[in-house]
């Protein structure tokens, strides 16, 4: 069985947050408090990632578009800086 998701075949499924929770539940079957404690940093990181994505989506909606010799160009600015 392969466990490297970069080379795993599709029928093995994809590792995700639910897989991580299930794994912790297997490690600590009678200790849900330990599962929750172990998951908190993961959930905090996921929340920050999603919040950043929302900020980027909002910045993209305010983008400036302009023509360049190579085609369409865009510029965006957000609290995270400009690009």
N, C-alpha and C. Protein backbone atom coordinates (compact mmCIF):
# COMPACT_ATOMS: atom_id res chain seq x y z
N UNK A 1 0.84 -1.17 0.00
CA UNK A 1 0.00 0.00 0.00
C UNK A 1 0.89 1.24 0.00
N UNK A 2 0.55 2.21 -0.84
CA UNK A 2 1.28 3.46 -0.89
C UNK A 2 0.64 4.46 0.07
N UNK A 3 1.47 5.21 0.75
CA UNK A 3 0.92 6.24 1.64
C UNK A 3 1.41 7.63 1.26
N UNK A 4 2.21 7.74 0.20
CA UNK A 4 2.66 9.04 -0.29
C UNK A 4 1.58 9.59 -1.20
N UNK A 5 0.88 10.65 -0.77
CA UNK A 5 -0.23 11.18 -1.55
C UNK A 5 0.19 11.71 -2.90
N UNK A 6 1.47 12.05 -3.08
CA UNK A 6 1.90 12.54 -4.38
C UNK A 6 1.96 11.43 -5.42
N UNK A 7 2.06 10.18 -4.97
CA UNK A 7 2.14 9.06 -5.91
C UNK A 7 1.01 8.06 -5.72
N UNK A 8 0.10 8.33 -4.81
CA UNK A 8 -0.99 7.37 -4.53
C UNK A 8 -1.96 7.32 -5.69
N UNK A 9 -2.50 6.14 -5.92
CA UNK A 9 -3.53 5.98 -6.94
C UNK A 9 -4.84 6.56 -6.44
N UNK A 10 -5.71 6.95 -7.34
CA UNK A 10 -6.96 7.60 -6.99
C UNK A 10 -7.87 6.80 -6.08
N UNK A 11 -7.85 5.48 -6.17
CA UNK A 11 -8.79 4.68 -5.37
C UNK A 11 -8.46 4.72 -3.88
N UNK A 12 -7.28 5.21 -3.52
CA UNK A 12 -6.93 5.33 -2.11
C UNK A 12 -7.56 6.56 -1.47
N UNK A 13 -8.10 7.43 -2.26
CA UNK A 13 -8.68 8.65 -1.71
C UNK A 13 -7.62 9.68 -1.41
N UNK A 14 -8.06 10.83 -0.94
CA UNK A 14 -7.16 11.94 -0.66
C UNK A 14 -7.14 12.20 0.83
N UNK A 15 -5.96 12.45 1.36
CA UNK A 15 -5.82 12.76 2.78
C UNK A 15 -6.35 14.17 3.03
N UNK A 16 -7.24 14.31 4.00
CA UNK A 16 -7.82 15.62 4.30
C UNK A 16 -8.02 15.76 5.80
N UNK A 17 -8.68 16.82 6.22
CA UNK A 17 -8.86 17.10 7.64
C UNK A 17 -9.65 15.98 8.33
N UNK A 18 -10.61 15.40 7.63
CA UNK A 18 -11.38 14.30 8.20
C UNK A 18 -10.49 13.09 8.44
N UNK A 19 -9.57 12.83 7.51
CA UNK A 19 -8.62 11.73 7.69
C UNK A 19 -7.76 11.96 8.92
N UNK A 20 -7.35 13.20 9.13
CA UNK A 20 -6.52 13.52 10.29
C UNK A 20 -7.29 13.30 11.59
N UNK A 21 -8.54 13.75 11.64
CA UNK A 21 -9.37 13.53 12.82
C UNK A 21 -9.57 12.04 13.06
N UNK A 22 -9.85 11.29 12.00
CA UNK A 22 -10.03 9.84 12.15
C UNK A 22 -8.76 9.19 12.68
N UNK A 23 -7.61 9.63 12.21
CA UNK A 23 -6.35 9.09 12.70
C UNK A 23 -6.15 9.36 14.18
N UNK A 24 -6.45 10.59 14.61
CA UNK A 24 -6.35 10.90 16.03
C UNK A 24 -7.34 10.08 16.85
N UNK A 25 -8.53 9.87 16.32
CA UNK A 25 -9.50 9.03 17.04
C UNK A 25 -9.01 7.59 17.16
N UNK A 26 -8.24 7.11 16.18
CA UNK A 26 -7.67 5.76 16.30
C UNK A 26 -6.56 5.74 17.34
N UNK A 27 -5.78 6.82 17.42
CA UNK A 27 -4.72 6.88 18.42
C UNK A 27 -5.26 7.01 19.84
N UNK A 28 -6.34 7.78 19.98
CA UNK A 28 -6.91 8.07 21.30
C UNK A 28 -8.39 7.70 21.32
N UNK A 29 -8.75 6.43 21.18
CA UNK A 29 -10.16 6.06 21.04
C UNK A 29 -11.03 6.40 22.24
N UNK A 30 -10.49 6.43 23.41
CA UNK A 30 -11.30 6.70 24.61
C UNK A 30 -10.97 8.07 25.20
N UNK A 31 -10.28 8.92 24.39
CA UNK A 31 -9.85 10.22 24.92
C UNK A 31 -10.19 11.34 23.94
N UNK A 32 -11.48 11.64 23.76
CA UNK A 32 -11.86 12.68 22.80
C UNK A 32 -11.26 14.04 23.13
N UNK A 33 -11.01 14.31 24.40
CA UNK A 33 -10.39 15.59 24.77
C UNK A 33 -9.00 15.70 24.14
N UNK A 34 -8.25 14.60 24.13
CA UNK A 34 -6.92 14.61 23.51
C UNK A 34 -7.01 14.80 22.00
N UNK A 35 -8.03 14.23 21.39
CA UNK A 35 -8.24 14.42 19.95
C UNK A 35 -8.50 15.90 19.66
N UNK A 36 -9.39 16.51 20.44
CA UNK A 36 -9.70 17.93 20.25
C UNK A 36 -8.45 18.79 20.47
N UNK A 37 -7.70 18.48 21.51
CA UNK A 37 -6.49 19.26 21.81
C UNK A 37 -5.46 19.13 20.69
N UNK A 38 -5.31 17.94 20.16
CA UNK A 38 -4.36 17.73 19.07
C UNK A 38 -4.80 18.43 17.79
N UNK A 39 -6.10 18.54 17.58
CA UNK A 39 -6.63 19.13 16.35
C UNK A 39 -6.66 20.65 16.36
N UNK A 40 -6.67 21.28 17.53
CA UNK A 40 -6.83 22.73 17.59
C UNK A 40 -5.83 23.50 16.74
N UNK A 41 -4.52 23.21 16.80
CA UNK A 41 -3.59 23.95 15.93
C UNK A 41 -3.87 23.74 14.45
N UNK A 42 -4.31 22.53 14.08
CA UNK A 42 -4.64 22.26 12.68
C UNK A 42 -5.85 23.07 12.24
N UNK A 43 -6.86 23.13 13.08
CA UNK A 43 -8.06 23.90 12.75
C UNK A 43 -7.76 25.39 12.72
N UNK A 44 -6.91 25.87 13.63
CA UNK A 44 -6.50 27.28 13.60
C UNK A 44 -5.77 27.61 12.30
N UNK A 45 -4.88 26.72 11.88
CA UNK A 45 -4.14 26.93 10.63
C UNK A 45 -5.07 26.91 9.43
N UNK A 46 -6.03 26.01 9.42
CA UNK A 46 -7.00 25.93 8.33
C UNK A 46 -7.83 27.21 8.28
N UNK A 47 -8.27 27.70 9.44
CA UNK A 47 -9.04 28.94 9.50
C UNK A 47 -8.23 30.10 8.92
N UNK A 48 -6.96 30.22 9.31
CA UNK A 48 -6.12 31.31 8.79
C UNK A 48 -5.94 31.20 7.29
N UNK A 49 -5.77 29.99 6.78
CA UNK A 49 -5.63 29.79 5.34
C UNK A 49 -6.90 30.26 4.61
N UNK A 50 -8.06 29.86 5.12
CA UNK A 50 -9.32 30.24 4.48
C UNK A 50 -9.56 31.75 4.58
N UNK A 51 -9.22 32.36 5.72
CA UNK A 51 -9.37 33.81 5.88
C UNK A 51 -8.47 34.54 4.88
N UNK A 52 -7.25 34.04 4.70
CA UNK A 52 -6.34 34.65 3.72
C UNK A 52 -6.91 34.52 2.31
N UNK A 53 -7.49 33.38 2.00
CA UNK A 53 -8.07 33.19 0.68
C UNK A 53 -9.21 34.18 0.43
N UNK A 54 -10.03 34.43 1.44
CA UNK A 54 -11.11 35.42 1.30
C UNK A 54 -10.54 36.81 1.05
N UNK A 55 -9.48 37.17 1.78
CA UNK A 55 -8.86 38.49 1.56
C UNK A 55 -8.29 38.59 0.15
N UNK A 56 -7.68 37.52 -0.34
CA UNK A 56 -7.15 37.54 -1.71
C UNK A 56 -8.27 37.63 -2.74
N UNK A 57 -9.38 36.94 -2.51
CA UNK A 57 -10.52 37.03 -3.42
C UNK A 57 -11.06 38.45 -3.47
N UNK A 58 -11.14 39.11 -2.31
CA UNK A 58 -11.61 40.50 -2.27
C UNK A 58 -10.64 41.43 -2.99
N UNK A 59 -9.34 41.23 -2.81
CA UNK A 59 -8.34 42.04 -3.49
C UNK A 59 -8.42 41.81 -5.00
N UNK A 60 -8.62 40.57 -5.41
CA UNK A 60 -8.72 40.27 -6.84
C UNK A 60 -9.93 40.96 -7.45
N UNK A 61 -11.03 41.05 -6.71
CA UNK A 61 -12.22 41.73 -7.21
C UNK A 61 -11.96 43.22 -7.44
N UNK A 62 -10.98 43.79 -6.73
CA UNK A 62 -10.65 45.21 -6.88
C UNK A 62 -9.44 45.42 -7.80
N UNK A 63 -9.02 44.40 -8.50
CA UNK A 63 -7.80 44.46 -9.31
C UNK A 63 -7.90 45.54 -10.40
N UNK A 64 -6.75 46.00 -10.82
CA UNK A 64 -6.66 46.87 -11.98
C UNK A 64 -6.21 46.01 -13.15
N UNK A 65 -6.89 46.16 -14.27
CA UNK A 65 -6.51 45.43 -15.48
C UNK A 65 -5.95 46.41 -16.49
N UNK A 66 -4.94 45.99 -17.23
CA UNK A 66 -4.32 46.84 -18.23
C UNK A 66 -3.70 45.96 -19.31
N UNK A 67 -3.54 46.55 -20.47
CA UNK A 67 -2.95 45.83 -21.59
C UNK A 67 -1.44 45.98 -21.56
N UNK A 68 -0.76 44.91 -21.91
CA UNK A 68 0.70 44.92 -22.04
C UNK A 68 1.03 44.35 -23.42
N UNK A 69 2.27 44.48 -23.86
CA UNK A 69 2.66 43.86 -25.13
C UNK A 69 2.47 42.34 -25.13
N UNK A 70 2.38 41.74 -23.96
CA UNK A 70 2.25 40.28 -23.85
C UNK A 70 0.82 39.84 -23.59
N UNK A 71 -0.11 40.78 -23.48
CA UNK A 71 -1.50 40.45 -23.18
C UNK A 71 -1.99 41.19 -21.96
N UNK A 72 -3.06 40.70 -21.39
CA UNK A 72 -3.68 41.34 -20.24
C UNK A 72 -2.78 41.27 -19.02
N UNK A 73 -2.64 42.39 -18.33
CA UNK A 73 -1.91 42.43 -17.07
C UNK A 73 -2.86 42.84 -15.96
N UNK A 74 -2.55 42.44 -14.76
CA UNK A 74 -3.36 42.85 -13.61
C UNK A 74 -2.45 43.30 -12.48
N UNK A 75 -2.99 44.17 -11.64
CA UNK A 75 -2.30 44.59 -10.41
C UNK A 75 -3.31 44.52 -9.29
N UNK A 76 -2.87 44.05 -8.14
CA UNK A 76 -3.75 43.98 -6.98
C UNK A 76 -2.99 44.48 -5.77
N UNK A 77 -3.76 45.00 -4.82
CA UNK A 77 -3.18 45.43 -3.57
C UNK A 77 -4.12 44.99 -2.45
N UNK A 78 -3.53 44.56 -1.36
CA UNK A 78 -4.32 44.14 -0.20
C UNK A 78 -3.54 44.46 1.06
N UNK A 79 -4.11 44.10 2.19
CA UNK A 79 -3.42 44.30 3.46
C UNK A 79 -2.13 43.50 3.51
N UNK A 80 -2.03 42.49 2.67
CA UNK A 80 -0.85 41.63 2.63
C UNK A 80 0.22 42.18 1.70
N UNK A 81 -0.06 43.32 1.04
CA UNK A 81 0.90 43.91 0.13
C UNK A 81 0.36 43.97 -1.29
N UNK A 82 1.17 44.44 -2.19
CA UNK A 82 0.77 44.57 -3.58
C UNK A 82 1.48 43.56 -4.45
N UNK A 83 0.89 43.28 -5.58
CA UNK A 83 1.48 42.36 -6.55
C UNK A 83 1.30 42.92 -7.93
